[in-house]
Amino acid sequence: MSAAHPSVFRELRRGLRSSLDRITAPLIDLAFPPSCLACRKATDASNALCPACWSAIRFIDRPFCERLGTPFAVDLGAEGLLSPEAIANPPVYARARAVARFDDGPARSLVHRLKYGDRLELARTMGAWMARAGDELLTEADVLMPVPLHRGRLARRRFNQAALLARTISERTGVPMEAFALTRVKPTPPQVGLTRTQRAANVQGAFRVPAEARGAVAGKAVVLVDDVMTSGATINAASRAVLRGGAKRVDVLVFARVVVG
């Protein structure tokens, strides 16, 4: 008897997760009255946004640049178009997708509450949204790889938010996660306040695929996972390291990204 295709197991796992969520959600709501994930106002359902925050979050939908995943201001009536930025400064990775714009709204609140407020449970909802936003990347992916923190920063923060998001995406889709196939070998200062050129120089050589992890990367279609993309310097540096490690392609999936204009 021939072995079942991996996609069959992915669908079974996704169905089981959905069934468990339907069973446990009402019990959790009884113990902990639901509130908005972003503003904490009361809501009708758990793990959701209130109507005001839902209206305020700026989701990224088509039409957008096929390469960068940044939205176009107007619908140009064609698919697969590239933005001027993607043509002038093509990224190292193949494609990027994001759930929402990173601005002064609910998306920023969610990212900050996860990263700095120790609200680790937010990763489940944010990761589920990312799984939907990145569906076209994930159906072709062999492995998920979270963008790592340097060991010093990881010790101070105690968790890597990118790994939490990647774990949820893996559970939702069945795409395996390799949490340690990419390492951050250079303790870089924060990127806040730096120019695009300074950001690129700051993370140059910061990532590496260890020799013992090359078997998990070589020939694979990799999706890098992170919470936020700003200038793209960190993601480009990480993508370059993964490609040097032998990956056949690198795509990127983030929760939110800065969109200029």
Protein backbone atom coordinates (compact mmCIF):
# COMPACT_ATOMS: atom_id res chain seq x y z
CA MET A 1 0.00 0.00 0.00
CA SER A 2 1.46 3.35 -1.01
CA ALA A 3 2.17 5.97 1.62
CA ALA A 4 -0.24 8.86 1.97
CA HIS A 5 0.88 12.18 0.51
CA PRO A 6 2.13 14.65 3.17
CA SER A 7 -0.67 17.06 2.23
CA VAL A 8 -3.22 14.50 3.49
CA PHE A 9 -1.65 14.53 6.94
CA ARG A 10 -1.58 18.33 6.87
CA GLU A 11 -5.32 18.46 6.19
CA LEU A 12 -6.05 15.92 8.95
CA ARG A 13 -3.97 17.90 11.41
CA ARG A 14 -5.67 21.14 10.43
CA GLY A 15 -9.10 19.55 10.90
CA LEU A 16 -8.18 18.18 14.33
CA ARG A 17 -6.92 21.58 15.46
CA SER A 18 -10.17 23.21 14.30
CA SER A 19 -12.27 20.64 16.19
CA LEU A 20 -10.31 21.12 19.40
CA ASP A 21 -10.66 24.89 19.16
CA ARG A 22 -14.45 24.59 18.83
CA ILE A 23 -14.63 22.39 21.94
CA THR A 24 -12.33 24.37 24.23
CA ALA A 25 -13.26 27.94 23.28
CA PRO A 26 -16.64 28.03 25.14
CA LEU A 27 -15.01 26.66 28.32
CA ILE A 28 -12.29 29.29 28.24
CA ASP A 29 -14.88 32.06 27.70
CA LEU A 30 -16.70 30.97 30.87
CA ALA A 31 -13.56 31.20 32.98
CA PHE A 32 -12.12 34.34 31.39
CA PRO A 33 -14.60 36.81 29.85
CA PRO A 34 -13.31 37.67 26.37
CA SER A 35 -11.75 41.04 25.62
CA CYS A 36 -10.29 42.69 22.54
CA LEU A 37 -6.77 41.51 21.79
CA ALA A 38 -5.62 45.05 21.03
CA CYS A 39 -7.52 47.47 23.28
CA ARG A 40 -8.83 45.05 25.97
CA LYS A 41 -12.46 46.19 25.71
CA ALA A 42 -15.11 43.52 26.16
CA THR A 43 -15.94 41.43 23.09
CA ASP A 44 -18.46 38.75 22.21
CA ALA A 45 -15.79 36.14 21.45
CA SER A 46 -12.32 35.30 22.69
CA ASN A 47 -9.18 35.75 20.60
CA ALA A 48 -10.79 38.50 18.55
CA LEU A 49 -10.74 42.23 17.96
CA CYS A 50 -13.55 44.55 18.93
CA PRO A 51 -15.45 46.18 16.03
CA ALA A 52 -13.50 49.44 16.40
CA CYS A 53 -10.09 47.76 16.28
CA TRP A 54 -11.16 45.46 13.45
CA SER A 55 -12.16 48.52 11.42
CA ALA A 56 -8.91 50.29 12.30
CA ILE A 57 -6.46 47.52 11.44
CA ARG A 58 -5.13 47.98 7.92
CA PHE A 59 -5.06 44.48 6.44
CA ILE A 60 -2.95 43.96 3.34
CA ASP A 61 -4.97 42.45 0.52
CA ARG A 62 -4.54 42.32 -3.23
CA PRO A 63 -3.61 44.16 -5.32
CA PHE A 64 -0.04 44.18 -4.04
CA CYS A 65 3.51 43.81 -5.35
CA GLU A 66 4.13 40.15 -6.09
CA ARG A 67 7.68 40.37 -4.75
CA LEU A 68 7.48 42.66 -1.72
CA GLY A 69 3.84 42.10 -0.80
CA THR A 70 3.31 45.87 -0.42
CA PRO A 71 -0.13 47.12 -1.46
CA PHE A 72 -0.71 49.23 -4.55
CA ALA A 73 -2.60 52.49 -4.08
CA VAL A 74 -4.89 51.62 -6.99
CA ASP A 75 -5.92 48.42 -8.73
CA LEU A 76 -3.88 48.29 -11.93
CA GLY A 77 -6.05 45.52 -13.34
CA ALA A 78 -3.33 42.89 -13.72
CA GLU A 79 -1.79 40.16 -11.58
CA GLY A 80 1.84 39.50 -10.85
CA LEU A 81 2.94 43.13 -11.04
CA LEU A 82 6.08 44.42 -9.34
CA SER A 83 6.36 47.73 -7.55
CA PRO A 84 9.01 50.31 -8.53
CA GLU A 85 10.82 49.53 -5.25
CA ALA A 86 11.01 45.81 -6.09
CA ILE A 87 12.43 46.60 -9.52
CA ALA A 88 14.94 49.22 -8.31
CA ASN A 89 16.02 47.33 -5.17
CA PRO A 90 15.08 43.65 -5.56
CA PRO A 91 15.19 41.77 -2.25
CA VAL A 92 17.23 38.65 -1.56
CA TYR A 93 14.07 36.62 -0.88
CA ALA A 94 11.59 35.58 -3.57
CA ARG A 95 8.27 36.77 -2.10
CA ALA A 96 7.02 38.41 1.09
CA ARG A 97 3.54 38.44 2.58
CA ALA A 98 2.12 40.20 5.65
CA VAL A 99 -1.18 40.33 7.49
CA ALA A 100 -1.34 44.08 8.03
CA ARG A 101 0.45 47.40 7.87
CA PHE A 102 2.62 48.24 10.86
CA ASP A 103 1.27 51.64 11.89
CA ASP A 104 -0.02 53.37 15.01
CA GLY A 105 -3.06 51.15 15.27
CA PRO A 106 -4.12 47.71 16.45
CA ALA A 107 -1.39 45.90 14.50
CA ARG A 108 1.33 47.77 16.39
CA SER A 109 -0.49 47.15 19.68
CA LEU A 110 -0.62 43.42 19.05
CA VAL A 111 3.06 43.23 18.12
CA HIS A 112 4.14 45.22 21.18
CA ARG A 113 1.92 43.29 23.57
CA LEU A 114 3.37 40.01 22.29
CA LYS A 115 6.99 41.15 22.23
CA TYR A 116 7.22 43.44 25.26
CA GLY A 117 4.10 42.65 27.29
CA ASP A 118 4.69 38.91 27.66
CA ARG A 119 1.27 38.20 26.15
CA LEU A 120 2.50 34.98 24.58
CA GLU A 121 -1.02 33.71 23.94
CA LEU A 122 -1.41 36.38 21.25
CA ALA A 123 0.91 34.33 19.05
CA ARG A 124 -1.87 31.81 18.47
CA THR A 125 -4.27 34.32 16.92
CA MET A 126 -1.57 36.31 15.12
CA GLY A 127 -0.04 33.10 13.77
CA ALA A 128 -3.44 31.90 12.54
CA TRP A 129 -3.91 35.15 10.62
CA MET A 130 -0.41 34.77 9.19
CA ALA A 131 -1.21 31.23 8.02
CA ARG A 132 -4.12 32.61 5.99
CA ALA A 133 -2.18 35.60 4.64
CA GLY A 134 0.71 33.38 3.56
CA ASP A 135 -1.31 30.49 2.18
CA GLU A 136 0.23 30.67 -1.30
CA LEU A 137 3.74 30.52 0.18
CA LEU A 138 2.96 27.81 2.70
CA THR A 139 1.42 25.40 0.19
CA GLU A 140 4.81 25.33 -1.57
CA ALA A 141 6.96 25.37 1.59
CA ASP A 142 9.11 22.52 2.87
CA VAL A 143 10.09 24.13 6.15
CA LEU A 144 9.43 27.15 8.37
CA MET A 145 12.34 28.98 9.98
CA PRO A 146 11.82 31.75 12.56
CA VAL A 147 14.22 34.68 12.40
CA PRO A 148 16.38 34.04 15.48
CA LEU A 149 17.44 36.32 18.32
CA HIS A 150 21.02 36.45 19.48
CA ARG A 151 21.48 34.25 22.54
CA GLY A 152 22.10 37.30 24.77
CA ARG A 153 18.84 38.97 23.79
CA LEU A 154 17.00 35.66 24.00
CA ALA A 155 18.25 35.19 27.57
CA ARG A 156 16.94 38.63 28.54
CA ARG A 157 13.57 38.29 26.79
CA ARG A 158 13.18 34.55 27.59
CA PHE A 159 11.35 33.82 24.33
CA ASN A 160 11.55 34.49 20.60
CA GLN A 161 8.27 35.88 19.31
CA ALA A 162 9.11 34.74 15.77
CA ALA A 163 9.42 31.15 16.99
CA LEU A 164 6.06 31.36 18.77
CA LEU A 165 4.40 32.59 15.58
CA ALA A 166 6.14 29.94 13.46
CA ARG A 167 5.00 27.21 15.84
CA THR A 168 1.37 28.25 15.45
CA ILE A 169 1.71 28.42 11.67
CA SER A 170 3.27 24.95 11.67
CA GLU A 171 0.40 23.57 13.78
CA ARG A 172 -2.15 25.15 11.47
CA THR A 173 -0.60 24.05 8.19
CA GLY A 174 1.50 20.98 8.96
CA VAL A 175 4.62 22.58 7.49
CA PRO A 176 7.47 21.54 9.82
CA MET A 177 9.45 24.14 11.73
CA GLU A 178 13.22 24.15 12.16
CA ALA A 179 13.77 26.43 15.14
CA PHE A 180 17.58 26.12 15.25
CA ALA A 181 18.60 25.74 11.61
CA LEU A 182 19.35 29.46 11.44
CA THR A 183 21.37 31.15 14.17
CA ARG A 184 22.17 34.76 14.96
CA VAL A 185 25.91 34.92 15.51
CA LYS A 186 26.30 38.70 15.78
CA PRO A 187 24.74 40.70 18.64
CA THR A 188 23.46 43.67 16.63
CA PRO A 189 22.25 46.92 18.24
CA PRO A 190 18.56 47.84 17.75
CA GLN A 191 17.71 49.08 14.27
CA VAL A 192 15.47 51.92 15.49
CA GLY A 193 16.66 55.31 14.26
CA LEU A 194 19.09 53.95 11.67
CA THR A 195 18.99 54.78 7.96
CA ARG A 196 18.39 52.05 5.38
CA THR A 197 22.13 51.86 4.64
CA GLN A 198 23.01 51.73 8.34
CA ARG A 199 20.43 49.00 8.95
CA ALA A 200 21.92 46.85 6.19
CA ALA A 201 25.45 47.32 7.54
CA ASN A 202 24.27 46.61 11.09
CA VAL A 203 23.00 43.12 10.25
CA GLN A 204 25.61 42.16 7.68
CA GLY A 205 26.97 38.73 8.59
CA ALA A 206 24.61 38.46 11.56
CA PHE A 207 23.09 35.10 10.56
CA ARG A 208 24.45 31.68 9.74
CA VAL A 209 23.22 28.17 9.01
CA PRO A 210 25.41 25.90 11.18
CA ALA A 211 27.13 23.03 9.38
CA GLU A 212 25.12 20.49 11.37
CA ALA A 213 21.85 22.11 10.22
CA ARG A 214 22.55 22.20 6.49
CA GLY A 215 20.72 18.93 5.96
CA ALA A 216 17.51 20.60 7.14
CA VAL A 217 17.98 23.46 4.68
CA ALA A 218 19.68 22.12 1.56
CA GLY A 219 17.35 21.94 -1.43
CA LYS A 220 14.35 23.13 0.61
CA ALA A 221 11.76 25.81 -0.04
CA VAL A 222 12.05 27.85 3.15
CA VAL A 223 9.61 30.35 4.61
CA LEU A 224 11.23 32.75 7.06
CA VAL A 225 8.86 33.91 9.81
CA ASP A 226 9.06 37.13 11.83
CA ASP A 227 6.73 39.53 13.60
CA VAL A 228 7.58 42.78 11.77
CA MET A 229 9.40 43.87 8.64
CA THR A 230 10.56 47.48 8.50
CA SER A 231 13.28 48.30 5.96
CA GLY A 232 13.79 44.62 5.13
CA ALA A 233 17.48 44.69 6.11
CA THR A 234 17.18 41.95 8.75
CA ILE A 235 15.06 39.74 6.52
CA ASN A 236 17.47 40.18 3.61
CA ALA A 237 20.45 39.26 5.79
CA ALA A 238 18.65 36.19 7.13
CA SER A 239 17.53 35.17 3.62
CA ARG A 240 21.07 35.49 2.30
CA ALA A 241 22.36 33.17 5.04
CA VAL A 242 19.64 30.59 4.34
CA LEU A 243 20.41 30.62 0.61
CA ARG A 244 24.11 30.21 1.37
CA GLY A 245 23.10 27.27 3.53
CA GLY A 246 21.74 25.55 0.42
CA ALA A 247 18.03 26.44 0.31
CA LYS A 248 16.51 26.43 -3.16
CA ARG A 249 14.19 29.35 -2.38
CA VAL A 250 13.36 31.68 0.50
CA ASP A 251 9.98 33.35 1.01
CA VAL A 252 9.04 35.59 3.93
CA LEU A 253 5.94 35.73 6.11
CA VAL A 254 5.48 38.42 8.77
CA PHE A 255 2.58 39.63 10.85
CA ALA A 256 3.02 43.30 9.99
CA ARG A 257 5.22 45.38 7.73
CA VAL A 258 6.00 49.05 7.32
CA VAL A 259 4.45 50.47 4.16
CA VAL A 260 5.75 53.83 2.97
CA GLY A 261 3.10 56.03 1.43
